Amino acid sequence: ELFMSGVLTVNDDNRVVVYAEMFWQQARLWHQRGNDTVFPVRYI
């Protein structure tokens, strides 16, 4: 699940890495809604 959500990735050397700029976009850690679901677009 952490690979699917972009917390963990694999670099060119086939090592498991975490990039800071991707990690700090993980809403579950700081945003209390706890998920990345977006509200659907409907124009008003």
All heavy atoms as atom14 arrays in JSON, in Angstrom:
{
  "sequence": "ELFMSGVLTVNDDNRVVVYAEMFWQQARLWHQRGNDTVFPVRYI",
  "atom14_mask": [
    [1, 1, 1, 1, 1, 1, 1, 1, 1, 0, 0, 0, 0, 0],
    [1, 1, 1, 1, 1, 1, 1, 1, 0, 0, 0, 0, 0, 0],
    [1, 1, 1, 1, 1, 1, 1, 1, 1, 1, 1, 0, 0, 0],
    [1, 1, 1, 1, 1, 1, 1, 1, 0, 0, 0, 0, 0, 0],
    [1, 1, 1, 1, 1, 1, 0, 0, 0, 0, 0, 0, 0, 0],
    [1, 1, 1, 1, 0, 0, 0, 0, 0, 0, 0, 0, 0, 0],
    [1, 1, 1, 1, 1, 1, 1, 0, 0, 0, 0, 0, 0, 0],
    [1, 1, 1, 1, 1, 1, 1, 1, 0, 0, 0, 0, 0, 0],
    [1, 1, 1, 1, 1, 1, 1, 0, 0, 0, 0, 0, 0, 0],
    [1, 1, 1, 1, 1, 1, 1, 0, 0, 0, 0, 0, 0, 0],
    [1, 1, 1, 1, 1, 1, 1, 1, 0, 0, 0, 0, 0, 0],
    [1, 1, 1, 1, 1, 1, 1, 1, 0, 0, 0, 0, 0, 0],
    [1, 1, 1, 1, 1, 1, 1, 1, 0, 0, 0, 0, 0, 0],
    [1, 1, 1, 1, 1, 1, 1, 1, 0, 0, 0, 0, 0, 0],
    [1, 1, 1, 1, 1, 1, 1, 1, 1, 1, 1, 0, 0, 0],
    [1, 1, 1, 1, 1, 1, 1, 0, 0, 0, 0, 0, 0, 0],
    [1, 1, 1, 1, 1, 1, 1, 0, 0, 0, 0, 0, 0, 0],
    [1, 1, 1, 1, 1, 1, 1, 0, 0, 0, 0, 0, 0, 0],
    [1, 1, 1, 1, 1, 1, 1, 1, 1, 1, 1, 1, 0, 0],
    [1, 1, 1, 1, 1, 0, 0, 0, 0, 0, 0, 0, 0, 0],
    [1, 1, 1, 1, 1, 1, 1, 1, 1, 0, 0, 0, 0, 0],
    [1, 1, 1, 1, 1, 1, 1, 1, 0, 0, 0, 0, 0, 0],
    [1, 1, 1, 1, 1, 1, 1, 1, 1, 1, 1, 0, 0, 0],
    [1, 1, 1, 1, 1, 1, 1, 1, 1, 1, 1, 1, 1, 1],
    [1, 1, 1, 1, 1, 1, 1, 1, 1, 0, 0, 0, 0, 0],
    [1, 1, 1, 1, 1, 1, 1, 1, 1, 0, 0, 0, 0, 0],
    [1, 1, 1, 1, 1, 0, 0, 0, 0, 0, 0, 0, 0, 0],
    [1, 1, 1, 1, 1, 1, 1, 1, 1, 1, 1, 0, 0, 0],
    [1, 1, 1, 1, 1, 1, 1, 1, 0, 0, 0, 0, 0, 0],
    [1, 1, 1, 1, 1, 1, 1, 1, 1, 1, 1, 1, 1, 1],
    [1, 1, 1, 1, 1, 1, 1, 1, 1, 1, 0, 0, 0, 0],
    [1, 1, 1, 1, 1, 1, 1, 1, 1, 0, 0, 0, 0, 0],
    [1, 1, 1, 1, 1, 1, 1, 1, 1, 1, 1, 0, 0, 0],
    [1, 1, 1, 1, 0, 0, 0, 0, 0, 0, 0, 0, 0, 0],
    [1, 1, 1, 1, 1, 1, 1, 1, 0, 0, 0, 0, 0, 0],
    [1, 1, 1, 1, 1, 1, 1, 1, 0, 0, 0, 0, 0, 0],
    [1, 1, 1, 1, 1, 1, 1, 0, 0, 0, 0, 0, 0, 0],
    [1, 1, 1, 1, 1, 1, 1, 0, 0, 0, 0, 0, 0, 0],
    [1, 1, 1, 1, 1, 1, 1, 1, 1, 1, 1, 0, 0, 0],
    [1, 1, 1, 1, 1, 1, 1, 0, 0, 0, 0, 0, 0, 0],
    [1, 1, 1, 1, 1, 1, 1, 0, 0, 0, 0, 0, 0, 0],
    [1, 1, 1, 1, 1, 1, 1, 1, 1, 1, 1, 0, 0, 0],
    [1, 1, 1, 1, 1, 1, 1, 1, 1, 1, 1, 1, 0, 0],
    [1, 1, 1, 1, 1, 1, 1, 1, 0, 0, 0, 0, 0, 0]
  ],
  "atom14_positions": [
    [[0.83, -1.21, 0.0], [0.0, 0.0, 0.0], [0.86, 1.26, 0.0], [0.51, 2.27, -0.63], [-0.93, -0.02, 1.22], [-1.98, 1.09, 1.21], [-1.46, 2.4, 1.78], [-0.56, 2.37, 2.64], [-1.94, 3.46, 1.34], [0.0, 0.0, 0.0], [0.0, 0.0, 0.0], [0.0, 0.0, 0.0], [0.0, 0.0, 0.0], [0.0, 0.0, 0.0]],
    [[2.01, 1.2, 0.69], [2.88, 2.37, 0.75], [3.55, 2.63, -0.6], [3.86, 3.78, -0.94], [3.92, 2.21, 1.86], [3.37, 2.12, 3.28], [4.5, 2.09, 4.3], [2.41, 3.28, 3.59], [0.0, 0.0, 0.0], [0.0, 0.0, 0.0], [0.0, 0.0, 0.0], [0.0, 0.0, 0.0], [0.0, 0.0, 0.0], [0.0, 0.0, 0.0]],
    [[3.79, 1.56, -1.36], [4.3, 1.76, -2.72], [3.22, 2.35, -3.62], [3.47, 3.25, -4.42], [4.79, 0.42, -3.3], [6.16, 0.01, -2.8], [6.29, -0.86, -1.74], [7.31, 0.5, -3.4], [7.52, -1.25, -1.27], [8.56, 0.12, -2.94], [8.67, -0.76, -1.87], [0.0, 0.0, 0.0], [0.0, 0.0, 0.0], [0.0, 0.0, 0.0]],
    [[1.99, 1.85, -3.48], [0.9, 2.34, -4.32], [0.6, 3.82, -4.06], [0.21, 4.55, -4.99], [-0.36, 1.5, -4.09], [-0.26, 0.08, -4.61], [-0.06, 0.01, -6.41], [-1.62, 0.71, -6.96], [0.0, 0.0, 0.0], [0.0, 0.0, 0.0], [0.0, 0.0, 0.0], [0.0, 0.0, 0.0], [0.0, 0.0, 0.0], [0.0, 0.0, 0.0]],
    [[0.77, 4.27, -2.83], [0.45, 5.65, -2.49], [1.63, 6.6, -2.66], [1.49, 7.81, -2.44], [-0.07, 5.74, -1.05], [0.91, 5.28, -0.14], [0.0, 0.0, 0.0], [0.0, 0.0, 0.0], [0.0, 0.0, 0.0], [0.0, 0.0, 0.0], [0.0, 0.0, 0.0], [0.0, 0.0, 0.0], [0.0, 0.0, 0.0], [0.0, 0.0, 0.0]],
    [[2.79, 6.07, -3.04], [3.94, 6.92, -3.31], [4.8, 7.23, -2.11], [5.76, 8.0, -2.22], [0.0, 0.0, 0.0], [0.0, 0.0, 0.0], [0.0, 0.0, 0.0], [0.0, 0.0, 0.0], [0.0, 0.0, 0.0], [0.0, 0.0, 0.0], [0.0, 0.0, 0.0], [0.0, 0.0, 0.0], [0.0, 0.0, 0.0], [0.0, 0.0, 0.0]],
    [[4.5, 6.65, -0.94], [5.39, 6.82, 0.2], [6.75, 6.18, -0.1], [7.81, 6.78, 0.11], [4.79, 6.21, 1.49], [5.8, 6.28, 2.63], [3.5, 6.92, 1.86], [0.0, 0.0, 0.0], [0.0, 0.0, 0.0], [0.0, 0.0, 0.0], [0.0, 0.0, 0.0], [0.0, 0.0, 0.0], [0.0, 0.0, 0.0], [0.0, 0.0, 0.0]],
    [[6.7, 4.96, -0.61], [7.91, 4.23, -0.97], [8.02, 4.14, -2.48], [7.02, 3.94, -3.17], [7.89, 2.81, -0.37], [7.64, 2.68, 1.13], [7.67, 1.21, 1.54], [8.66, 3.48, 1.93], [0.0, 0.0, 0.0], [0.0, 0.0, 0.0], [0.0, 0.0, 0.0], [0.0, 0.0, 0.0], [0.0, 0.0, 0.0], [0.0, 0.0, 0.0]],
    [[9.23, 4.29, -2.98], [9.5, 4.11, -4.41], [10.81, 3.35, -4.56], [11.55, 3.15, -3.59], [9.6, 5.46, -5.15], [10.68, 6.23, -4.58], [8.31, 6.26, -5.04], [0.0, 0.0, 0.0], [0.0, 0.0, 0.0], [0.0, 0.0, 0.0], [0.0, 0.0, 0.0], [0.0, 0.0, 0.0], [0.0, 0.0, 0.0], [0.0, 0.0, 0.0]],
    [[11.08, 2.92, -5.78], [12.32, 2.2, -6.08], [13.15, 3.06, -7.02], [12.67, 3.54, -8.05], [12.02, 0.84, -6.74], [13.31, 0.1, -7.08], [11.14, -0.01, -5.82], [0.0, 0.0, 0.0], [0.0, 0.0, 0.0], [0.0, 0.0, 0.0], [0.0, 0.0, 0.0], [0.0, 0.0, 0.0], [0.0, 0.0, 0.0], [0.0, 0.0, 0.0]],
    [[14.44, 3.28, -6.65], [15.28, 4.14, -7.47], [15.97, 3.33, -8.58], [15.71, 2.14, -8.76], [16.31, 4.88, -6.6], [17.33, 3.96, -5.96], [17.38, 2.75, -6.24], [18.16, 4.51, -5.1], [0.0, 0.0, 0.0], [0.0, 0.0, 0.0], [0.0, 0.0, 0.0], [0.0, 0.0, 0.0], [0.0, 0.0, 0.0], [0.0, 0.0, 0.0]],
    [[16.85, 3.99, -9.31], [17.51, 3.35, -10.45], [18.41, 2.19, -10.04], [18.73, 1.32, -10.85], [18.33, 4.38, -11.23], [17.45, 5.41, -11.92], [16.25, 5.11, -12.13], [17.95, 6.51, -12.23], [0.0, 0.0, 0.0], [0.0, 0.0, 0.0], [0.0, 0.0, 0.0], [0.0, 0.0, 0.0], [0.0, 0.0, 0.0], [0.0, 0.0, 0.0]],
    [[18.84, 2.19, -8.76], [19.68, 1.1, -8.25], [18.86, -0.02, -7.63], [19.41, -0.89, -6.94], [20.68, 1.64, -7.22], [21.63, 2.66, -7.82], [22.0, 2.49, -9.0], [21.98, 3.63, -7.12], [0.0, 0.0, 0.0], [0.0, 0.0, 0.0], [0.0, 0.0, 0.0], [0.0, 0.0, 0.0], [0.0, 0.0, 0.0], [0.0, 0.0, 0.0]],
    [[17.53, 0.05, -7.82], [16.62, -0.95, -7.27], [16.61, -0.94, -5.74], [16.34, -1.96, -5.11], [16.95, -2.36, -7.79], [15.72, -3.25, -7.81], [14.61, -2.79, -8.09], [15.92, -4.53, -7.52], [0.0, 0.0, 0.0], [0.0, 0.0, 0.0], [0.0, 0.0, 0.0], [0.0, 0.0, 0.0], [0.0, 0.0, 0.0], [0.0, 0.0, 0.0]],
    [[16.88, 0.24, -5.16], [16.81, 0.4, -3.71], [15.48, 1.04, -3.35], [14.96, 1.89, -4.09], [17.95, 1.29, -3.2], [19.35, 0.73, -3.44], [19.67, -0.39, -2.46], [19.56, 0.02, -1.08], [20.55, 0.62, -0.39], [21.71, 0.87, -0.99], [20.39, 0.94, 0.87], [0.0, 0.0, 0.0], [0.0, 0.0, 0.0], [0.0, 0.0, 0.0]],
    [[14.92, 0.65, -2.21], [13.68, 1.27, -1.73], [14.03, 2.6, -1.07], [14.87, 2.65, -0.15], [12.96, 0.35, -0.73], [11.71, 1.05, -0.17], [12.56, -0.96, -1.41], [0.0, 0.0, 0.0], [0.0, 0.0, 0.0], [0.0, 0.0, 0.0], [0.0, 0.0, 0.0], [0.0, 0.0, 0.0], [0.0, 0.0, 0.0], [0.0, 0.0, 0.0]],
    [[13.39, 3.67, -1.54], [13.71, 4.99, -1.03], [12.42, 5.75, -0.74], [11.34, 5.43, -1.25], [14.57, 5.8, -2.03], [15.91, 5.11, -2.29], [13.82, 6.02, -3.34], [0.0, 0.0, 0.0], [0.0, 0.0, 0.0], [0.0, 0.0, 0.0], [0.0, 0.0, 0.0], [0.0, 0.0, 0.0], [0.0, 0.0, 0.0], [0.0, 0.0, 0.0]],
    [[12.57, 6.79, 0.1], [11.5, 7.74, 0.37], [12.02, 9.12, 0.01], [13.06, 9.54, 0.52], [11.08, 7.72, 1.86], [9.9, 8.65, 2.08], [10.76, 6.32, 2.32], [0.0, 0.0, 0.0], [0.0, 0.0, 0.0], [0.0, 0.0, 0.0], [0.0, 0.0, 0.0], [0.0, 0.0, 0.0], [0.0, 0.0, 0.0], [0.0, 0.0, 0.0]],
    [[11.31, 9.81, -0.87], [11.68, 11.17, -1.24], [10.89, 12.15, -0.38], [9.66, 12.04, -0.28], [11.41, 11.42, -2.72], [12.28, 10.61, -3.64], [11.78, 9.49, -4.29], [13.62, 10.94, -3.83], [12.58, 8.72, -5.13], [14.44, 10.19, -4.67], [13.91, 9.08, -5.31], [14.73, 8.32, -6.13], [0.0, 0.0, 0.0], [0.0, 0.0, 0.0]],
    [[11.59, 13.1, 0.2], [10.94, 14.04, 1.12], [9.77, 14.75, 0.46], [8.7, 14.89, 1.06], [11.96, 15.06, 1.64], [0.0, 0.0, 0.0], [0.0, 0.0, 0.0], [0.0, 0.0, 0.0], [0.0, 0.0, 0.0], [0.0, 0.0, 0.0], [0.0, 0.0, 0.0], [0.0, 0.0, 0.0], [0.0, 0.0, 0.0], [0.0, 0.0, 0.0]],
    [[9.94, 15.22, -0.77], [8.89, 16.01, -1.4], [7.63, 15.19, -1.68], [6.53, 15.74, -1.75], [9.38, 16.66, -2.69], [9.76, 15.71, -3.78], [10.34, 16.44, -4.98], [9.61, 17.23, -5.62], [11.54, 16.24, -5.28], [0.0, 0.0, 0.0], [0.0, 0.0, 0.0], [0.0, 0.0, 0.0], [0.0, 0.0, 0.0], [0.0, 0.0, 0.0]],
    [[7.75, 13.87, -1.81], [6.58, 13.01, -1.97], [5.99, 12.64, -0.61], [4.77, 12.62, -0.44], [6.96, 11.76, -2.76], [7.39, 12.03, -4.18], [7.93, 10.55, -5.07], [6.36, 9.68, -5.26], [0.0, 0.0, 0.0], [0.0, 0.0, 0.0], [0.0, 0.0, 0.0], [0.0, 0.0, 0.0], [0.0, 0.0, 0.0], [0.0, 0.0, 0.0]],
    [[6.86, 12.39, 0.36], [6.4, 11.99, 1.68], [5.55, 13.08, 2.33], [4.5, 12.82, 2.92], [7.6, 11.66, 2.57], [7.21, 11.2, 3.95], [6.71, 9.92, 4.16], [7.35, 12.04, 5.04], [6.35, 9.49, 5.44], [6.99, 11.61, 6.32], [6.5, 10.34, 6.51], [0.0, 0.0, 0.0], [0.0, 0.0, 0.0], [0.0, 0.0, 0.0]],
    [[6.0, 14.34, 2.2], [5.29, 15.44, 2.86], [3.99, 15.82, 2.17], [3.27, 16.71, 2.61], [6.22, 16.65, 3.02], [7.19, 16.43, 4.15], [8.37, 15.75, 4.1], [7.04, 16.87, 5.5], [8.96, 15.74, 5.34], [8.18, 16.43, 6.22], [6.07, 17.61, 6.18], [8.36, 16.69, 7.57], [6.26, 17.88, 7.52], [7.38, 17.41, 8.2]],
    [[3.66, 15.13, 1.08], [2.35, 15.3, 0.45], [1.36, 14.22, 0.88], [0.25, 14.14, 0.34], [2.5, 15.31, -1.07], [3.26, 16.53, -1.6], [3.34, 16.58, -3.11], [2.33, 16.75, -3.79], [4.55, 16.42, -3.63], [0.0, 0.0, 0.0], [0.0, 0.0, 0.0], [0.0, 0.0, 0.0], [0.0, 0.0, 0.0], [0.0, 0.0, 0.0]],
    [[1.74, 13.39, 1.85], [0.87, 12.34, 2.35], [-0.09, 12.91, 3.39], [0.27, 13.12, 4.55], [1.71, 11.21, 2.95], [2.62, 10.52, 1.95], [1.84, 9.68, 0.95], [0.82, 9.08, 1.27], [2.35, 9.63, -0.27], [0.0, 0.0, 0.0], [0.0, 0.0, 0.0], [0.0, 0.0, 0.0], [0.0, 0.0, 0.0], [0.0, 0.0, 0.0]],
    [[-1.31, 13.16, 2.97], [-2.27, 13.83, 3.86], [-2.53, 13.06, 5.14], [-2.82, 13.64, 6.18], [-3.58, 14.07, 3.11], [0.0, 0.0, 0.0], [0.0, 0.0, 0.0], [0.0, 0.0, 0.0], [0.0, 0.0, 0.0], [0.0, 0.0, 0.0], [0.0, 0.0, 0.0], [0.0, 0.0, 0.0], [0.0, 0.0, 0.0], [0.0, 0.0, 0.0]],
    [[-2.42, 11.73, 5.08], [-2.78, 10.9, 6.24], [-1.97, 11.23, 7.49], [-2.41, 10.94, 8.61], [-2.56, 9.42, 5.88], [-1.1, 9.0, 5.85], [-0.9, 7.57, 5.46], [-0.85, 7.43, 4.01], [-0.76, 6.25, 3.4], [-0.72, 5.15, 4.1], [-0.7, 6.19, 2.1], [0.0, 0.0, 0.0], [0.0, 0.0, 0.0], [0.0, 0.0, 0.0]],
    [[-0.81, 11.81, 7.33], [0.08, 12.01, 8.47], [-0.21, 13.28, 9.26], [0.05, 13.33, 10.45], [1.53, 12.03, 7.99], [2.0, 10.72, 7.36], [3.34, 10.91, 6.67], [2.09, 9.63, 8.41], [0.0, 0.0, 0.0], [0.0, 0.0, 0.0], [0.0, 0.0, 0.0], [0.0, 0.0, 0.0], [0.0, 0.0, 0.0], [0.0, 0.0, 0.0]],
    [[-0.72, 14.3, 8.6], [-0.92, 15.59, 9.27], [-2.34, 16.11, 9.12], [-2.83, 16.77, 10.01], [0.06, 16.62, 8.7], [1.49, 16.2, 8.85], [2.28, 16.31, 9.97], [2.31, 15.56, 7.86], [3.52, 15.79, 9.73], [3.58, 15.32, 8.45], [2.1, 15.17, 6.54], [4.62, 14.72, 7.76], [3.13, 14.56, 5.83], [4.38, 14.34, 6.44]],
    [[-2.96, 15.84, 8.0], [-4.31, 16.31, 7.75], [-5.28, 15.35, 8.41], [-5.24, 14.15, 8.15], [-4.57, 16.37, 6.24], [-5.81, 17.11, 5.86], [-7.08, 16.7, 6.23], [-5.99, 18.25, 5.14], [-7.97, 17.54, 5.75], [-7.34, 18.49, 5.09], [0.0, 0.0, 0.0], [0.0, 0.0, 0.0], [0.0, 0.0, 0.0], [0.0, 0.0, 0.0]],
    [[-6.16, 15.86, 9.25], [-6.96, 14.98, 10.07], [-8.11, 14.3, 9.34], [-8.79, 13.43, 9.89], [-7.5, 15.76, 11.28], [-6.38, 16.27, 12.18], [-5.44, 15.15, 12.63], [-5.83, 14.25, 13.35], [-4.19, 15.2, 12.19], [0.0, 0.0, 0.0], [0.0, 0.0, 0.0], [0.0, 0.0, 0.0], [0.0, 0.0, 0.0], [0.0, 0.0, 0.0]],
    [[-8.33, 14.67, 8.06], [-9.29, 13.89, 7.28], [-8.72, 12.5, 7.01], [-9.44, 11.54, 6.84], [-9.61, 14.6, 5.97], [-10.77, 13.96, 5.19], [-11.13, 14.78, 3.95], [-10.01, 14.9, 3.04], [-9.52, 16.06, 2.62], [-10.03, 17.19, 3.06], [-8.51, 16.09, 1.77], [0.0, 0.0, 0.0], [0.0, 0.0, 0.0], [0.0, 0.0, 0.0]],
    [[-7.38, 12.42, 6.89], [-6.69, 11.13, 6.85], [-6.73, 10.4, 5.55], [-6.35, 9.24, 5.48], [0.0, 0.0, 0.0], [0.0, 0.0, 0.0], [0.0, 0.0, 0.0], [0.0, 0.0, 0.0], [0.0, 0.0, 0.0], [0.0, 0.0, 0.0], [0.0, 0.0, 0.0], [0.0, 0.0, 0.0], [0.0, 0.0, 0.0], [0.0, 0.0, 0.0]],
    [[-7.18, 11.03, 4.45], [-7.13, 10.34, 3.17], [-6.95, 11.36, 2.05], [-6.95, 12.56, 2.28], [-8.4, 9.51, 2.92], [-9.66, 10.37, 2.91], [-9.78, 11.29, 2.12], [-10.6, 10.05, 3.8], [0.0, 0.0, 0.0], [0.0, 0.0, 0.0], [0.0, 0.0, 0.0], [0.0, 0.0, 0.0], [0.0, 0.0, 0.0], [0.0, 0.0, 0.0]],
    [[-6.76, 10.88, 0.84], [-6.49, 11.76, -0.29], [-7.69, 11.87, -1.23], [-7.55, 12.24, -2.39], [-5.28, 11.26, -1.07], [-4.02, 11.29, -0.22], [-3.76, 12.33, 0.39], [-3.3, 10.28, -0.17], [0.0, 0.0, 0.0], [0.0, 0.0, 0.0], [0.0, 0.0, 0.0], [0.0, 0.0, 0.0], [0.0, 0.0, 0.0], [0.0, 0.0, 0.0]],
    [[-8.88, 11.53, -0.75], [-10.08, 11.61, -1.57], [-10.36, 13.07, -1.93], [-10.33, 13.95, -1.07], [-11.29, 11.02, -0.83], [-11.02, 9.67, -0.5], [-12.53, 11.09, -1.7], [0.0, 0.0, 0.0], [0.0, 0.0, 0.0], [0.0, 0.0, 0.0], [0.0, 0.0, 0.0], [0.0, 0.0, 0.0], [0.0, 0.0, 0.0], [0.0, 0.0, 0.0]],
    [[-10.63, 13.32, -3.2], [-10.95, 14.68, -3.63], [-12.45, 14.81, -3.86], [-13.11, 13.86, -4.26], [-10.17, 15.07, -4.9], [-8.68, 15.1, -4.62], [-10.48, 14.13, -6.06], [0.0, 0.0, 0.0], [0.0, 0.0, 0.0], [0.0, 0.0, 0.0], [0.0, 0.0, 0.0], [0.0, 0.0, 0.0], [0.0, 0.0, 0.0], [0.0, 0.0, 0.0]],
    [[-12.94, 15.99, -3.58], [-14.36, 16.27, -3.75], [-14.65, 16.41, -5.24], [-13.94, 17.13, -5.95], [-14.71, 17.56, -3.01], [-16.17, 17.77, -2.77], [-16.85, 17.01, -1.84], [-16.88, 18.75, -3.48], [-18.2, 17.22, -1.59], [-18.22, 18.96, -3.25], [-18.88, 18.19, -2.3], [0.0, 0.0, 0.0], [0.0, 0.0, 0.0], [0.0, 0.0, 0.0]],
    [[-15.68, 15.75, -5.77], [-15.95, 15.82, -7.22], [-16.23, 17.24, -7.68], [-16.71, 18.09, -6.92], [-17.19, 14.93, -7.39], [-17.2, 14.05, -6.17], [-16.61, 14.86, -5.07], [0.0, 0.0, 0.0], [0.0, 0.0, 0.0], [0.0, 0.0, 0.0], [0.0, 0.0, 0.0], [0.0, 0.0, 0.0], [0.0, 0.0, 0.0], [0.0, 0.0, 0.0]],
    [[-15.93, 17.49, -8.96], [-16.12, 18.83, -9.52], [-17.54, 18.98, -10.09], [-17.99, 18.16, -10.89], [-15.09, 19.1, -10.63], [-15.38, 20.45, -11.3], [-13.68, 19.1, -10.05], [0.0, 0.0, 0.0], [0.0, 0.0, 0.0], [0.0, 0.0, 0.0], [0.0, 0.0, 0.0], [0.0, 0.0, 0.0], [0.0, 0.0, 0.0], [0.0, 0.0, 0.0]],
    [[-18.21, 19.99, -9.61], [-19.5, 20.42, -10.18], [-19.5, 21.94, -10.12], [-19.34, 22.53, -9.04], [-20.68, 19.87, -9.38], [-22.03, 20.44, -9.8], [-23.17, 19.84, -8.97], [-24.45, 20.46, -9.32], [-24.98, 21.5, -8.66], [-24.35, 22.03, -7.62], [-26.14, 21.99, -9.05], [0.0, 0.0, 0.0], [0.0, 0.0, 0.0], [0.0, 0.0, 0.0]],
    [[-19.66, 22.6, -11.26], [-19.58, 24.06, -11.29], [-20.9, 24.7, -10.91], [-21.98, 24.25, -11.34], [-19.12, 24.53, -12.67], [-17.64, 24.31, -12.88], [-17.19, 23.16, -13.52], [-16.7, 25.23, -12.39], [-15.83, 22.94, -13.69], [-15.35, 25.01, -12.56], [-14.91, 23.86, -13.21], [-13.57, 23.64, -13.36], [0.0, 0.0, 0.0], [0.0, 0.0, 0.0]],
    [[-20.8, 25.73, -10.08], [-21.96, 26.5, -9.65], [-21.61, 27.99, -9.75], [-20.46, 28.36, -10.02], [-22.38, 26.15, -8.21], [-21.24, 26.46, -7.22], [-22.79, 24.68, -8.11], [-21.63, 26.27, -5.76], [0.0, 0.0, 0.0], [0.0, 0.0, 0.0], [0.0, 0.0, 0.0], [0.0, 0.0, 0.0], [0.0, 0.0, 0.0], [0.0, 0.0, 0.0]]
  ]
}
